[in-house]
Amino acid sequence: MDLTLADAKKIIEHTLAARETHKLKPMAVVVLGAAGTIKASESQDGTSLLRPKVAHGKAYGAISLGIGSRALFERAKHEPILIQAANSLADGALVPVAGGVLVRDQENNLIGAVGVTGDTSDNDEKCAVAGIEAAGFKADTGG
């Protein structure tokens, strides 16, 4: 199973609703399918130029290595050469900080990833989790 475009749009809608509820800064959200392809992406008014790339990097790192970007951040502290090597192999596309969350179906199969950026990494992750869960999926932060 893979995320559909409709699923991705629901995740984005709920992610941005969580941002509004918590009165956070404008966000960019990227949803990737299981193969790492972009299903949907949205940037709110007021986000900076690189925000979509950062959101993509969080999601891409998570889906590429099969662990949430919070776990990538922890690995980077203890095994920086591993994360540096992985980032090199990914042509610099990995962003190993919280806010990249794996999407799992109800049977716990990996079906995609969401990357969120715009506020603190913890707040980005909180909104991603809220969006994924509100859309009916399981969120895996790697934490």
Protein backbone atom coordinates (compact mmCIF):
# COMPACT_ATOMS: atom_id res chain seq x y z
CA MET A 1 0.00 0.00 0.00
CA ASP A 2 1.14 3.54 -0.68
CA LEU A 3 -0.27 6.89 0.28
CA THR A 4 -2.69 8.36 -2.24
CA LEU A 5 -2.77 11.98 -3.29
CA ALA A 6 -6.01 12.34 -1.32
CA ASP A 7 -4.27 10.92 1.79
CA ALA A 8 -1.38 13.34 1.36
CA LYS A 9 -3.72 16.31 1.03
CA LYS A 10 -5.57 15.25 4.20
CA ILE A 11 -2.28 14.99 6.09
CA ILE A 12 -1.28 18.48 4.95
CA GLU A 13 -4.69 19.91 5.86
CA HIS A 14 -4.56 18.45 9.37
CA THR A 15 -0.90 19.38 9.85
CA LEU A 16 -1.62 23.01 9.06
CA ALA A 17 -4.73 22.94 11.25
CA ALA A 18 -2.50 21.85 14.15
CA ARG A 19 -0.14 24.72 13.34
CA GLU A 20 -3.08 27.12 13.55
CA THR A 21 -4.35 25.60 16.82
CA HIS A 22 -0.95 26.08 18.46
CA LYS A 23 -0.44 29.52 16.84
CA LEU A 24 2.92 28.59 15.38
CA LYS A 25 4.92 30.24 12.60
CA PRO A 26 3.97 29.59 8.94
CA MET A 27 5.00 26.13 7.77
CA ALA A 28 6.00 24.15 4.72
CA VAL A 29 4.83 20.53 4.53
CA VAL A 30 6.02 17.82 2.14
CA VAL A 31 4.43 14.37 1.96
CA LEU A 32 6.36 11.54 0.31
CA GLY A 33 5.12 8.13 -0.74
CA ALA A 34 6.84 4.89 0.22
CA ALA A 35 9.23 5.18 -2.74
CA GLY A 36 10.29 8.68 -1.69
CA THR A 37 8.40 10.51 -4.42
CA ILE A 38 6.55 13.71 -3.61
CA LYS A 39 2.82 13.12 -3.24
CA ALA A 40 1.97 16.68 -2.16
CA SER A 41 3.68 19.81 -0.91
CA GLU A 42 2.36 23.07 0.46
CA SER A 43 4.01 26.20 1.82
CA GLN A 44 2.04 28.79 3.73
CA ASP A 45 2.33 32.49 3.07
CA GLY A 46 5.24 33.88 5.04
CA THR A 47 7.56 30.86 4.80
CA SER A 48 11.08 31.52 3.60
CA LEU A 49 12.55 30.36 0.30
CA LEU A 50 14.31 27.23 1.62
CA ARG A 51 11.47 25.94 3.81
CA PRO A 52 10.08 23.50 1.19
CA LYS A 53 13.57 22.04 0.67
CA VAL A 54 14.08 21.68 4.43
CA ALA A 55 10.69 19.96 4.80
CA HIS A 56 11.58 17.64 1.94
CA GLY A 57 14.98 16.90 3.52
CA LYS A 58 13.38 15.91 6.80
CA ALA A 59 10.89 13.56 5.10
CA TYR A 60 13.48 12.26 2.63
CA GLY A 61 15.95 11.39 5.37
CA ALA A 62 13.25 9.56 7.31
CA ILE A 63 11.97 7.50 4.37
CA SER A 64 15.45 6.85 2.98
CA LEU A 65 16.83 5.44 6.22
CA GLY A 66 13.57 4.03 7.57
CA ILE A 67 13.62 5.98 10.84
CA GLY A 68 12.09 9.27 11.90
CA SER A 69 14.33 12.30 11.70
CA ARG A 70 14.35 12.67 15.50
CA ALA A 71 16.21 9.35 15.59
CA LEU A 72 18.52 10.59 12.81
CA PHE A 73 19.34 13.61 14.98
CA GLU A 74 20.24 11.32 17.90
CA ARG A 75 22.35 9.11 15.62
CA ALA A 76 24.14 12.21 14.29
CA LYS A 77 25.24 13.05 17.84
CA HIS A 78 26.70 9.57 18.43
CA GLU A 79 27.63 8.47 14.91
CA PRO A 80 28.23 11.67 12.94
CA ILE A 81 30.26 9.90 10.26
CA LEU A 82 27.34 7.56 9.47
CA ILE A 83 24.89 10.45 9.02
CA GLN A 84 27.46 12.46 7.08
CA ALA A 85 28.06 9.49 4.77
CA ALA A 86 24.33 8.92 4.28
CA ASN A 87 23.87 12.62 3.52
CA SER A 88 26.70 12.45 1.01
CA LEU A 89 25.10 9.44 -0.69
CA ALA A 90 21.81 11.40 -0.79
CA ASP A 91 23.56 14.37 -2.48
CA GLY A 92 23.12 16.49 0.65
CA ALA A 93 19.33 16.06 0.73
CA LEU A 94 19.02 14.77 4.32
CA VAL A 95 18.01 17.11 7.14
CA PRO A 96 18.55 15.10 10.35
CA VAL A 97 16.46 17.08 12.84
CA ALA A 98 12.97 16.47 14.27
CA GLY A 99 10.09 17.15 11.90
CA GLY A 100 10.48 14.20 9.52
CA VAL A 101 7.92 11.59 10.54
CA LEU A 102 7.26 8.19 9.00
CA VAL A 103 3.68 7.31 8.05
CA ARG A 104 2.53 3.78 8.81
CA ASP A 105 -0.78 2.10 8.04
CA GLN A 106 -2.82 0.28 10.68
CA GLU A 107 -0.80 -2.91 10.07
CA ASN A 108 2.38 -0.90 10.77
CA ASN A 109 3.58 -1.01 7.14
CA LEU A 110 5.71 1.95 6.07
CA ILE A 111 3.70 3.87 3.46
CA GLY A 112 5.30 7.32 3.42
CA ALA A 113 6.85 10.20 5.31
CA VAL A 114 5.99 13.78 6.18
CA GLY A 115 8.42 16.64 6.58
CA VAL A 116 7.43 19.86 8.31
CA THR A 117 9.41 23.03 8.94
CA GLY A 118 8.71 26.60 9.96
CA ASP A 119 8.77 26.68 13.75
CA THR A 120 11.03 24.84 16.20
CA SER A 121 11.84 21.27 15.21
CA ASP A 122 9.82 19.94 18.15
CA ASN A 123 6.79 21.98 17.08
CA ASP A 124 7.26 20.93 13.47
CA GLU A 125 7.20 17.29 14.57
CA LYS A 126 4.17 17.85 16.80
CA CYS A 127 2.20 19.20 13.82
CA ALA A 128 3.34 16.36 11.55
CA VAL A 129 2.22 13.77 14.10
CA ALA A 130 -1.14 15.51 14.53
CA GLY A 131 -1.66 15.63 10.76
CA ILE A 132 -0.75 11.99 10.22
CA GLU A 133 -2.93 10.73 13.07
CA ALA A 134 -5.91 12.92 12.15
CA ALA A 135 -5.75 11.46 8.64
CA GLY A 136 -6.10 7.96 10.11
CA PHE A 137 -2.49 6.73 10.03
CA LYS A 138 0.22 5.95 12.60
CA ALA A 139 3.04 8.44 13.11
CA ASP A 140 6.56 7.16 13.74
CA THR A 141 8.98 9.87 14.91
CA GLY A 142 11.83 7.54 15.68
CA GLY A 143 11.85 8.89 19.23
